[in-house]
Structures are given as structure tokens and as C-alpha cells.
Amino acid sequence: RGLQKNWAQMLDTFREAAALSPWVVV
């Protein structure tokens, strides 16, 4: 379906979201 780029971009977003780690959550 030609979704390699879309899939990679989606994974990047999930990775960035999961990596958020503030010292104190405000």
C-alpha cells in the first residue's frame, strides 16, 4: 500500500510521546 513513510512517521510520534519524562509533572 506504499505506507512505509507514513508508518515510520507514526512510529516516530509514538516514540517521542513515550519518551517525555519531566523531572516534576506540572
mmCIF file of all heavy atoms, coordinates in Angstrom:
data_MODEL
# 
_entry.id   MODEL 
# 
loop_
_atom_site.group_PDB 
_atom_site.id 
_atom_site.type_symbol 
_atom_site.label_atom_id 
_atom_site.label_alt_id 
_atom_site.label_comp_id 
_atom_site.label_asym_id 
_atom_site.label_entity_id 
_atom_site.label_seq_id 
_atom_site.pdbx_PDB_ins_code 
_atom_site.Cartn_x 
_atom_site.Cartn_y 
_atom_site.Cartn_z 
_atom_site.occupancy 
_atom_site.B_iso_or_equiv 
_atom_site.pdbx_formal_charge 
_atom_site.auth_seq_id 
_atom_site.auth_comp_id 
_atom_site.auth_asym_id 
_atom_site.auth_atom_id 
_atom_site.pdbx_PDB_model_num 
ATOM 1   N N   . ARG A 1 1  ? 0.810  -1.219 0.000  1.00 0.00 ? 1  ARG A N   1 
ATOM 2   C CA  . ARG A 1 1  ? 0.000  0.000  0.000  1.00 0.00 ? 1  ARG A CA  1 
ATOM 3   C C   . ARG A 1 1  ? 0.845  1.271  0.000  1.00 0.00 ? 1  ARG A C   1 
ATOM 4   O O   . ARG A 1 1  ? 0.290  2.372  0.040  1.00 0.00 ? 1  ARG A O   1 
ATOM 5   C CB  . ARG A 1 1  ? -0.922 0.005  1.222  1.00 0.00 ? 1  ARG A CB  1 
ATOM 6   C CG  . ARG A 1 1  ? -1.933 -1.128 1.238  1.00 0.00 ? 1  ARG A CG  1 
ATOM 7   C CD  . ARG A 1 1  ? -2.838 -1.082 0.015  1.00 0.00 ? 1  ARG A CD  1 
ATOM 8   N NE  . ARG A 1 1  ? -3.848 -2.111 0.034  1.00 0.00 ? 1  ARG A NE  1 
ATOM 9   C CZ  . ARG A 1 1  ? -5.089 -1.918 0.481  1.00 0.00 ? 1  ARG A CZ  1 
ATOM 10  N NH1 . ARG A 1 1  ? -5.454 -0.734 0.930  1.00 0.00 ? 1  ARG A NH1 1 
ATOM 11  N NH2 . ARG A 1 1  ? -5.950 -2.910 0.472  1.00 0.00 ? 1  ARG A NH2 1 
ATOM 12  N N   . GLY A 1 2  ? 2.155  1.134  -0.053 1.00 0.00 ? 2  GLY A N   1 
ATOM 13  C CA  . GLY A 1 2  ? 3.027  2.311  -0.091 1.00 0.00 ? 2  GLY A CA  1 
ATOM 14  C C   . GLY A 1 2  ? 2.995  3.124  1.192  1.00 0.00 ? 2  GLY A C   1 
ATOM 15  O O   . GLY A 1 2  ? 3.071  4.361  1.155  1.00 0.00 ? 2  GLY A O   1 
ATOM 16  N N   . LEU A 1 3  ? 2.907  2.453  2.321  1.00 0.00 ? 3  LEU A N   1 
ATOM 17  C CA  . LEU A 1 3  ? 2.752  3.129  3.605  1.00 0.00 ? 3  LEU A CA  1 
ATOM 18  C C   . LEU A 1 3  ? 4.025  3.142  4.449  1.00 0.00 ? 3  LEU A C   1 
ATOM 19  O O   . LEU A 1 3  ? 3.981  3.461  5.639  1.00 0.00 ? 3  LEU A O   1 
ATOM 20  C CB  . LEU A 1 3  ? 1.641  2.443  4.422  1.00 0.00 ? 3  LEU A CB  1 
ATOM 21  C CG  . LEU A 1 3  ? 0.213  2.645  3.915  1.00 0.00 ? 3  LEU A CG  1 
ATOM 22  C CD1 . LEU A 1 3  ? -0.750 1.706  4.639  1.00 0.00 ? 3  LEU A CD1 1 
ATOM 23  C CD2 . LEU A 1 3  ? -0.216 4.094  4.107  1.00 0.00 ? 3  LEU A CD2 1 
ATOM 24  N N   . GLN A 1 4  ? 5.168  2.827  3.833  1.00 0.00 ? 4  GLN A N   1 
ATOM 25  C CA  . GLN A 1 4  ? 6.392  2.754  4.626  1.00 0.00 ? 4  GLN A CA  1 
ATOM 26  C C   . GLN A 1 4  ? 6.712  4.090  5.303  1.00 0.00 ? 4  GLN A C   1 
ATOM 27  O O   . GLN A 1 4  ? 7.045  4.135  6.494  1.00 0.00 ? 4  GLN A O   1 
ATOM 28  C CB  . GLN A 1 4  ? 7.589  2.332  3.755  1.00 0.00 ? 4  GLN A CB  1 
ATOM 29  C CG  . GLN A 1 4  ? 7.479  0.952  3.138  1.00 0.00 ? 4  GLN A CG  1 
ATOM 30  C CD  . GLN A 1 4  ? 6.931  1.001  1.724  1.00 0.00 ? 4  GLN A CD  1 
ATOM 31  O OE1 . GLN A 1 4  ? 6.031  1.793  1.412  1.00 0.00 ? 4  GLN A OE1 1 
ATOM 32  N NE2 . GLN A 1 4  ? 7.489  0.169  0.859  1.00 0.00 ? 4  GLN A NE2 1 
ATOM 33  N N   . LYS A 1 5  ? 6.595  5.188  4.565  1.00 0.00 ? 5  LYS A N   1 
ATOM 34  C CA  . LYS A 1 5  ? 6.912  6.503  5.126  1.00 0.00 ? 5  LYS A CA  1 
ATOM 35  C C   . LYS A 1 5  ? 5.896  6.894  6.193  1.00 0.00 ? 5  LYS A C   1 
ATOM 36  O O   . LYS A 1 5  ? 6.268  7.404  7.260  1.00 0.00 ? 5  LYS A O   1 
ATOM 37  C CB  . LYS A 1 5  ? 6.948  7.546  4.006  1.00 0.00 ? 5  LYS A CB  1 
ATOM 38  C CG  . LYS A 1 5  ? 7.353  8.924  4.486  1.00 0.00 ? 5  LYS A CG  1 
ATOM 39  C CD  . LYS A 1 5  ? 7.438  9.904  3.329  1.00 0.00 ? 5  LYS A CD  1 
ATOM 40  C CE  . LYS A 1 5  ? 7.831  11.286 3.829  1.00 0.00 ? 5  LYS A CE  1 
ATOM 41  N NZ  . LYS A 1 5  ? 7.941  12.268 2.695  1.00 0.00 ? 5  LYS A NZ  1 
ATOM 42  N N   . ASN A 1 6  ? 4.622  6.674  5.912  1.00 0.00 ? 6  ASN A N   1 
ATOM 43  C CA  . ASN A 1 6  ? 3.584  7.002  6.893  1.00 0.00 ? 6  ASN A CA  1 
ATOM 44  C C   . ASN A 1 6  ? 3.763  6.195  8.181  1.00 0.00 ? 6  ASN A C   1 
ATOM 45  O O   . ASN A 1 6  ? 3.589  6.726  9.288  1.00 0.00 ? 6  ASN A O   1 
ATOM 46  C CB  . ASN A 1 6  ? 2.194  6.732  6.312  1.00 0.00 ? 6  ASN A CB  1 
ATOM 47  C CG  . ASN A 1 6  ? 1.944  7.493  5.028  1.00 0.00 ? 6  ASN A CG  1 
ATOM 48  O OD1 . ASN A 1 6  ? 2.505  7.164  3.979  1.00 0.00 ? 6  ASN A OD1 1 
ATOM 49  N ND2 . ASN A 1 6  ? 1.097  8.510  5.092  1.00 0.00 ? 6  ASN A ND2 1 
ATOM 50  N N   . TRP A 1 7  ? 4.095  4.927  8.011  1.00 0.00 ? 7  TRP A N   1 
ATOM 51  C CA  . TRP A 1 7  ? 4.280  4.073  9.182  1.00 0.00 ? 7  TRP A CA  1 
ATOM 52  C C   . TRP A 1 7  ? 5.471  4.547  10.012 1.00 0.00 ? 7  TRP A C   1 
ATOM 53  O O   . TRP A 1 7  ? 5.398  4.593  11.251 1.00 0.00 ? 7  TRP A O   1 
ATOM 54  C CB  . TRP A 1 7  ? 4.483  2.627  8.735  1.00 0.00 ? 7  TRP A CB  1 
ATOM 55  C CG  . TRP A 1 7  ? 4.363  1.628  9.846  1.00 0.00 ? 7  TRP A CG  1 
ATOM 56  C CD1 . TRP A 1 7  ? 5.361  1.182  10.670 1.00 0.00 ? 7  TRP A CD1 1 
ATOM 57  C CD2 . TRP A 1 7  ? 3.174  0.961  10.286 1.00 0.00 ? 7  TRP A CD2 1 
ATOM 58  N NE1 . TRP A 1 7  ? 4.873  0.284  11.578 1.00 0.00 ? 7  TRP A NE1 1 
ATOM 59  C CE2 . TRP A 1 7  ? 3.530  0.129  11.362 1.00 0.00 ? 7  TRP A CE2 1 
ATOM 60  C CE3 . TRP A 1 7  ? 1.842  0.973  9.856  1.00 0.00 ? 7  TRP A CE3 1 
ATOM 61  C CZ2 . TRP A 1 7  ? 2.604  -0.686 12.027 1.00 0.00 ? 7  TRP A CZ2 1 
ATOM 62  C CZ3 . TRP A 1 7  ? 0.919  0.175  10.516 1.00 0.00 ? 7  TRP A CZ3 1 
ATOM 63  C CH2 . TRP A 1 7  ? 1.300  -0.641 11.587 1.00 0.00 ? 7  TRP A CH2 1 
ATOM 64  N N   . ALA A 1 8  ? 6.559  4.911  9.349  1.00 0.00 ? 8  ALA A N   1 
ATOM 65  C CA  . ALA A 1 8  ? 7.747  5.389  10.060 1.00 0.00 ? 8  ALA A CA  1 
ATOM 66  C C   . ALA A 1 8  ? 7.454  6.693  10.804 1.00 0.00 ? 8  ALA A C   1 
ATOM 67  O O   . ALA A 1 8  ? 7.903  6.886  11.943 1.00 0.00 ? 8  ALA A O   1 
ATOM 68  C CB  . ALA A 1 8  ? 8.903  5.575  9.080  1.00 0.00 ? 8  ALA A CB  1 
ATOM 69  N N   . GLN A 1 9  ? 6.700  7.598  10.177 1.00 0.00 ? 9  GLN A N   1 
ATOM 70  C CA  . GLN A 1 9  ? 6.349  8.856  10.840 1.00 0.00 ? 9  GLN A CA  1 
ATOM 71  C C   . GLN A 1 9  ? 5.454  8.614  12.053 1.00 0.00 ? 9  GLN A C   1 
ATOM 72  O O   . GLN A 1 9  ? 5.618  9.263  13.097 1.00 0.00 ? 9  GLN A O   1 
ATOM 73  C CB  . GLN A 1 9  ? 5.654  9.785  9.849  1.00 0.00 ? 9  GLN A CB  1 
ATOM 74  C CG  . GLN A 1 9  ? 6.574  10.329 8.764  1.00 0.00 ? 9  GLN A CG  1 
ATOM 75  C CD  . GLN A 1 9  ? 5.827  11.172 7.745  1.00 0.00 ? 9  GLN A CD  1 
ATOM 76  O OE1 . GLN A 1 9  ? 4.594  11.130 7.661  1.00 0.00 ? 9  GLN A OE1 1 
ATOM 77  N NE2 . GLN A 1 9  ? 6.571  11.923 6.941  1.00 0.00 ? 9  GLN A NE2 1 
ATOM 78  N N   . MET A 1 10 ? 4.525  7.676  11.930 1.00 0.00 ? 10 MET A N   1 
ATOM 79  C CA  . MET A 1 10 ? 3.658  7.350  13.060 1.00 0.00 ? 10 MET A CA  1 
ATOM 80  C C   . MET A 1 10 ? 4.471  6.794  14.224 1.00 0.00 ? 10 MET A C   1 
ATOM 81  O O   . MET A 1 10 ? 4.272  7.182  15.384 1.00 0.00 ? 10 MET A O   1 
ATOM 82  C CB  . MET A 1 10 ? 2.601  6.345  12.628 1.00 0.00 ? 10 MET A CB  1 
ATOM 83  C CG  . MET A 1 10 ? 1.686  5.875  13.746 1.00 0.00 ? 10 MET A CG  1 
ATOM 84  S SD  . MET A 1 10 ? 0.788  4.374  13.299 1.00 0.00 ? 10 MET A SD  1 
ATOM 85  C CE  . MET A 1 10 ? 2.119  3.186  13.102 1.00 0.00 ? 10 MET A CE  1 
ATOM 86  N N   . LEU A 1 11 ? 5.408  5.893  13.927 1.00 0.00 ? 11 LEU A N   1 
ATOM 87  C CA  . LEU A 1 11 ? 6.249  5.332  14.981 1.00 0.00 ? 11 LEU A CA  1 
ATOM 88  C C   . LEU A 1 11 ? 7.091  6.418  15.647 1.00 0.00 ? 11 LEU A C   1 
ATOM 89  O O   . LEU A 1 11 ? 7.294  6.396  16.871 1.00 0.00 ? 11 LEU A O   1 
ATOM 90  C CB  . LEU A 1 11 ? 7.154  4.239  14.412 1.00 0.00 ? 11 LEU A CB  1 
ATOM 91  C CG  . LEU A 1 11 ? 6.489  2.912  14.023 1.00 0.00 ? 11 LEU A CG  1 
ATOM 92  C CD1 . LEU A 1 11 ? 7.513  1.942  13.466 1.00 0.00 ? 11 LEU A CD1 1 
ATOM 93  C CD2 . LEU A 1 11 ? 5.769  2.290  15.215 1.00 0.00 ? 11 LEU A CD2 1 
ATOM 94  N N   . ASP A 1 12 ? 7.578  7.379  14.869 1.00 0.00 ? 12 ASP A N   1 
ATOM 95  C CA  . ASP A 1 12 ? 8.358  8.474  15.445 1.00 0.00 ? 12 ASP A CA  1 
ATOM 96  C C   . ASP A 1 12 ? 7.526  9.288  16.436 1.00 0.00 ? 12 ASP A C   1 
ATOM 97  O O   . ASP A 1 12 ? 8.027  9.692  17.491 1.00 0.00 ? 12 ASP A O   1 
ATOM 98  C CB  . ASP A 1 12 ? 8.889  9.396  14.333 1.00 0.00 ? 12 ASP A CB  1 
ATOM 99  C CG  . ASP A 1 12 ? 10.021 8.752  13.551 1.00 0.00 ? 12 ASP A CG  1 
ATOM 100 O OD1 . ASP A 1 12 ? 10.628 7.788  14.064 1.00 0.00 ? 12 ASP A OD1 1 
ATOM 101 O OD2 . ASP A 1 12 ? 10.298 9.221  12.428 1.00 0.00 ? 12 ASP A OD2 1 
ATOM 102 N N   . THR A 1 13 ? 6.275  9.518  16.098 1.00 0.00 ? 13 THR A N   1 
ATOM 103 C CA  . THR A 1 13 ? 5.407  10.275 17.002 1.00 0.00 ? 13 THR A CA  1 
ATOM 104 C C   . THR A 1 13 ? 5.167  9.506  18.293 1.00 0.00 ? 13 THR A C   1 
ATOM 105 O O   . THR A 1 13 ? 5.240  10.079 19.397 1.00 0.00 ? 13 THR A O   1 
ATOM 106 C CB  . THR A 1 13 ? 4.066  10.583 16.319 1.00 0.00 ? 13 THR A CB  1 
ATOM 107 O OG1 . THR A 1 13 ? 4.291  11.315 15.116 1.00 0.00 ? 13 THR A OG1 1 
ATOM 108 C CG2 . THR A 1 13 ? 3.176  11.408 17.244 1.00 0.00 ? 13 THR A CG2 1 
ATOM 109 N N   . PHE A 1 14 ? 4.881  8.225  18.183 1.00 0.00 ? 14 PHE A N   1 
ATOM 110 C CA  . PHE A 1 14 ? 4.691  7.411  19.387 1.00 0.00 ? 14 PHE A CA  1 
ATOM 111 C C   . PHE A 1 14 ? 5.968  7.385  20.228 1.00 0.00 ? 14 PHE A C   1 
ATOM 112 O O   . PHE A 1 14 ? 5.916  7.466  21.461 1.00 0.00 ? 14 PHE A O   1 
ATOM 113 C CB  . PHE A 1 14 ? 4.301  5.979  19.001 1.00 0.00 ? 14 PHE A CB  1 
ATOM 114 C CG  . PHE A 1 14 ? 2.825  5.767  18.857 1.00 0.00 ? 14 PHE A CG  1 
ATOM 115 C CD1 . PHE A 1 14 ? 2.220  5.817  17.617 1.00 0.00 ? 14 PHE A CD1 1 
ATOM 116 C CD2 . PHE A 1 14 ? 2.035  5.507  19.968 1.00 0.00 ? 14 PHE A CD2 1 
ATOM 117 C CE1 . PHE A 1 14 ? 0.852  5.619  17.474 1.00 0.00 ? 14 PHE A CE1 1 
ATOM 118 C CE2 . PHE A 1 14 ? 0.672  5.300  19.843 1.00 0.00 ? 14 PHE A CE2 1 
ATOM 119 C CZ  . PHE A 1 14 ? 0.075  5.357  18.589 1.00 0.00 ? 14 PHE A CZ  1 
ATOM 120 N N   . ARG A 1 15 ? 7.091  7.298  19.571 1.00 0.00 ? 15 ARG A N   1 
ATOM 121 C CA  . ARG A 1 15 ? 8.365  7.247  20.308 1.00 0.00 ? 15 ARG A CA  1 
ATOM 122 C C   . ARG A 1 15 ? 8.609  8.553  21.056 1.00 0.00 ? 15 ARG A C   1 
ATOM 123 O O   . ARG A 1 15 ? 9.028  8.540  22.218 1.00 0.00 ? 15 ARG A O   1 
ATOM 124 C CB  . ARG A 1 15 ? 9.502  6.969  19.326 1.00 0.00 ? 15 ARG A CB  1 
ATOM 125 C CG  . ARG A 1 15 ? 10.875 6.907  19.977 1.00 0.00 ? 15 ARG A CG  1 
ATOM 126 C CD  . ARG A 1 15 ? 11.928 6.423  19.014 1.00 0.00 ? 15 ARG A CD  1 
ATOM 127 N NE  . ARG A 1 15 ? 13.235 6.353  19.631 1.00 0.00 ? 15 ARG A NE  1 
ATOM 128 C CZ  . ARG A 1 15 ? 14.163 5.485  19.310 1.00 0.00 ? 15 ARG A CZ  1 
ATOM 129 N NH1 . ARG A 1 15 ? 13.915 4.579  18.376 1.00 0.00 ? 15 ARG A NH1 1 
ATOM 130 N NH2 . ARG A 1 15 ? 15.342 5.498  19.906 1.00 0.00 ? 15 ARG A NH2 1 
ATOM 131 N N   . GLU A 1 16 ? 8.363  9.675  20.398 1.00 0.00 ? 16 GLU A N   1 
ATOM 132 C CA  . GLU A 1 16 ? 8.554  10.966 21.060 1.00 0.00 ? 16 GLU A CA  1 
ATOM 133 C C   . GLU A 1 16 ? 7.589  11.137 22.227 1.00 0.00 ? 16 GLU A C   1 
ATOM 134 O O   . GLU A 1 16 ? 7.953  11.670 23.289 1.00 0.00 ? 16 GLU A O   1 
ATOM 135 C CB  . GLU A 1 16 ? 8.367  12.100 20.048 1.00 0.00 ? 16 GLU A CB  1 
ATOM 136 C CG  . GLU A 1 16 ? 9.467  12.170 18.996 1.00 0.00 ? 16 GLU A CG  1 
ATOM 137 C CD  . GLU A 1 16 ? 9.156  13.188 17.923 1.00 0.00 ? 16 GLU A CD  1 
ATOM 138 O OE1 . GLU A 1 16 ? 8.134  13.894 18.057 1.00 0.00 ? 16 GLU A OE1 1 
ATOM 139 O OE2 . GLU A 1 16 ? 9.920  13.277 16.953 1.00 0.00 ? 16 GLU A OE2 1 
ATOM 140 N N   . ALA A 1 17 ? 6.359  10.695 22.054 1.00 0.00 ? 17 ALA A N   1 
ATOM 141 C CA  . ALA A 1 17 ? 5.370  10.805 23.129 1.00 0.00 ? 17 ALA A CA  1 
ATOM 142 C C   . ALA A 1 17 ? 5.757  9.941  24.324 1.00 0.00 ? 17 ALA A C   1 
ATOM 143 O O   . ALA A 1 17 ? 5.633  10.365 25.482 1.00 0.00 ? 17 ALA A O   1 
ATOM 144 C CB  . ALA A 1 17 ? 3.994  10.408 22.612 1.00 0.00 ? 17 ALA A CB  1 
ATOM 145 N N   . ALA A 1 18 ? 6.229  8.727  24.050 1.00 0.00 ? 18 ALA A N   1 
ATOM 146 C CA  . ALA A 1 18 ? 6.600  7.822  25.134 1.00 0.00 ? 18 ALA A CA  1 
ATOM 147 C C   . ALA A 1 18 ? 7.885  8.256  25.834 1.00 0.00 ? 18 ALA A C   1 
ATOM 148 O O   . ALA A 1 18 ? 8.134  7.848  26.972 1.00 0.00 ? 18 ALA A O   1 
ATOM 149 C CB  . ALA A 1 18 ? 6.762  6.402  24.591 1.00 0.00 ? 18 ALA A CB  1 
ATOM 150 N N   . ALA A 1 19 ? 8.694  9.076  25.180 1.00 0.00 ? 19 ALA A N   1 
ATOM 151 C CA  . ALA A 1 19 ? 9.978  9.498  25.757 1.00 0.00 ? 19 ALA A CA  1 
ATOM 152 C C   . ALA A 1 19 ? 9.844  10.706 26.675 1.00 0.00 ? 19 ALA A C   1 
ATOM 153 O O   . ALA A 1 19 ? 10.795 11.046 27.382 1.00 0.00 ? 19 ALA A O   1 
ATOM 154 C CB  . ALA A 1 19 ? 10.975 9.804  24.642 1.00 0.00 ? 19 ALA A CB  1 
ATOM 155 N N   . LEU A 1 20 ? 8.701  11.390 26.667 1.00 0.00 ? 20 LEU A N   1 
ATOM 156 C CA  . LEU A 1 20 ? 8.534  12.557 27.536 1.00 0.00 ? 20 LEU A CA  1 
ATOM 157 C C   . LEU A 1 20 ? 8.734  12.141 28.992 1.00 0.00 ? 20 LEU A C   1 
ATOM 158 O O   . LEU A 1 20 ? 8.090  11.211 29.476 1.00 0.00 ? 20 LEU A O   1 
ATOM 159 C CB  . LEU A 1 20 ? 7.136  13.158 27.361 1.00 0.00 ? 20 LEU A CB  1 
ATOM 160 C CG  . LEU A 1 20 ? 6.813  13.776 25.988 1.00 0.00 ? 20 LEU A CG  1 
ATOM 161 C CD1 . LEU A 1 20 ? 5.363  14.238 25.946 1.00 0.00 ? 20 LEU A CD1 1 
ATOM 162 C CD2 . LEU A 1 20 ? 7.747  14.941 25.695 1.00 0.00 ? 20 LEU A CD2 1 
ATOM 163 N N   . SER A 1 21 ? 9.621  12.855 29.694 1.00 0.00 ? 21 SER A N   1 
ATOM 164 C CA  . SER A 1 21 ? 9.938  12.465 31.066 1.00 0.00 ? 21 SER A CA  1 
ATOM 165 C C   . SER A 1 21 ? 10.377 13.675 31.876 1.00 0.00 ? 21 SER A C   1 
ATOM 166 O O   . SER A 1 21 ? 11.554 13.843 32.184 1.00 0.00 ? 21 SER A O   1 
ATOM 167 C CB  . SER A 1 21 ? 11.036 11.388 31.069 1.00 0.00 ? 21 SER A CB  1 
ATOM 168 O OG  . SER A 1 21 ? 11.288 10.943 32.377 1.00 0.00 ? 21 SER A OG  1 
ATOM 169 N N   . PRO A 1 22 ? 9.445  14.566 32.240 1.00 0.00 ? 22 PRO A N   1 
ATOM 170 C CA  . PRO A 1 22 ? 9.805  15.732 33.058 1.00 0.00 ? 22 PRO A CA  1 
ATOM 171 C C   . PRO A 1 22 ? 10.216 15.306 34.459 1.00 0.00 ? 22 PRO A C   1 
ATOM 172 O O   . PRO A 1 22 ? 9.743  14.280 34.970 1.00 0.00 ? 22 PRO A O   1 
ATOM 173 C CB  . PRO A 1 22 ? 8.512  16.554 33.080 1.00 0.00 ? 22 PRO A CB  1 
ATOM 174 C CG  . PRO A 1 22 ? 7.427  15.559 32.866 1.00 0.00 ? 22 PRO A CG  1 
ATOM 175 C CD  . PRO A 1 22 ? 8.005  14.513 31.950 1.00 0.00 ? 22 PRO A CD  1 
ATOM 176 N N   . TRP A 1 23 ? 11.077 16.086 35.078 1.00 0.00 ? 23 TRP A N   1 
ATOM 177 C CA  . TRP A 1 23 ? 11.519 15.776 36.434 1.00 0.00 ? 23 TRP A CA  1 
ATOM 178 C C   . TRP A 1 23 ? 10.344 15.850 37.405 1.00 0.00 ? 23 TRP A C   1 
ATOM 179 O O   . TRP A 1 23 ? 10.193 15.007 38.274 1.00 0.00 ? 23 TRP A O   1 
ATOM 180 C CB  . TRP A 1 23 ? 12.629 16.742 36.842 1.00 0.00 ? 23 TRP A CB  1 
ATOM 181 C CG  . TRP A 1 23 ? 13.260 16.388 38.145 1.00 0.00 ? 23 TRP A CG  1 
ATOM 182 C CD1 . TRP A 1 23 ? 13.884 15.215 38.467 1.00 0.00 ? 23 TRP A CD1 1 
ATOM 183 C CD2 . TRP A 1 23 ? 13.304 17.209 39.320 1.00 0.00 ? 23 TRP A CD2 1 
ATOM 184 N NE1 . TRP A 1 23 ? 14.318 15.248 39.769 1.00 0.00 ? 23 TRP A NE1 1 
ATOM 185 C CE2 . TRP A 1 23 ? 13.990 16.460 40.321 1.00 0.00 ? 23 TRP A CE2 1 
ATOM 186 C CE3 . TRP A 1 23 ? 12.859 18.483 39.626 1.00 0.00 ? 23 TRP A CE3 1 
ATOM 187 C CZ2 . TRP A 1 23 ? 14.209 16.966 41.598 1.00 0.00 ? 23 TRP A CZ2 1 
ATOM 188 C CZ3 . TRP A 1 23 ? 13.087 18.984 40.903 1.00 0.00 ? 23 TRP A CZ3 1 
ATOM 189 C CH2 . TRP A 1 23 ? 13.753 18.228 41.869 1.00 0.00 ? 23 TRP A CH2 1 
ATOM 190 N N   . VAL A 1 24 ? 9.513  16.868 37.246 1.00 0.00 ? 24 VAL A N   1 
ATOM 191 C CA  . VAL A 1 24 ? 8.285  17.013 38.023 1.00 0.00 ? 24 VAL A CA  1 
ATOM 192 C C   . VAL A 1 24 ? 7.159  17.328 37.046 1.00 0.00 ? 24 VAL A C   1 
ATOM 193 O O   . VAL A 1 24 ? 7.290  18.246 36.226 1.00 0.00 ? 24 VAL A O   1 
ATOM 194 C CB  . VAL A 1 24 ? 8.393  18.135 39.076 1.00 0.00 ? 24 VAL A CB  1 
ATOM 195 C CG1 . VAL A 1 24 ? 7.054  18.317 39.797 1.00 0.00 ? 24 VAL A CG1 1 
ATOM 196 C CG2 . VAL A 1 24 ? 9.493  17.838 40.079 1.00 0.00 ? 24 VAL A CG2 1 
ATOM 197 N N   . VAL A 1 25 ? 6.065  16.568 37.102 1.00 0.00 ? 25 VAL A N   1 
ATOM 198 C CA  . VAL A 1 25 ? 4.936  16.792 36.209 1.00 0.00 ? 25 VAL A CA  1 
ATOM 199 C C   . VAL A 1 25 ? 4.131  17.990 36.721 1.00 0.00 ? 25 VAL A C   1 
ATOM 200 O O   . VAL A 1 25 ? 3.667  17.989 37.858 1.00 0.00 ? 25 VAL A O   1 
ATOM 201 C CB  . VAL A 1 25 ? 4.044  15.543 36.115 1.00 0.00 ? 25 VAL A CB  1 
ATOM 202 C CG1 . VAL A 1 25 ? 2.831  15.822 35.225 1.00 0.00 ? 25 VAL A CG1 1 
ATOM 203 C CG2 . VAL A 1 25 ? 4.839  14.366 35.571 1.00 0.00 ? 25 VAL A CG2 1 
ATOM 204 N N   . VAL A 1 26 ? 3.976  18.995 35.865 1.00 0.00 ? 26 VAL A N   1 
ATOM 205 C CA  . VAL A 1 26 ? 3.255  20.210 36.226 1.00 0.00 ? 26 VAL A CA  1 
ATOM 206 C C   . VAL A 1 26 ? 2.041  20.333 35.312 1.00 0.00 ? 26 VAL A C   1 
ATOM 207 O O   . VAL A 1 26 ? 2.160  20.214 34.086 1.00 0.00 ? 26 VAL A O   1 
ATOM 208 C CB  . VAL A 1 26 ? 4.149  21.457 36.084 1.00 0.00 ? 26 VAL A CB  1 
ATOM 209 C CG1 . VAL A 1 26 ? 3.363  22.719 36.445 1.00 0.00 ? 26 VAL A CG1 1 
ATOM 210 C CG2 . VAL A 1 26 ? 5.374  21.328 36.986 1.00 0.00 ? 26 VAL A CG2 1 
# 
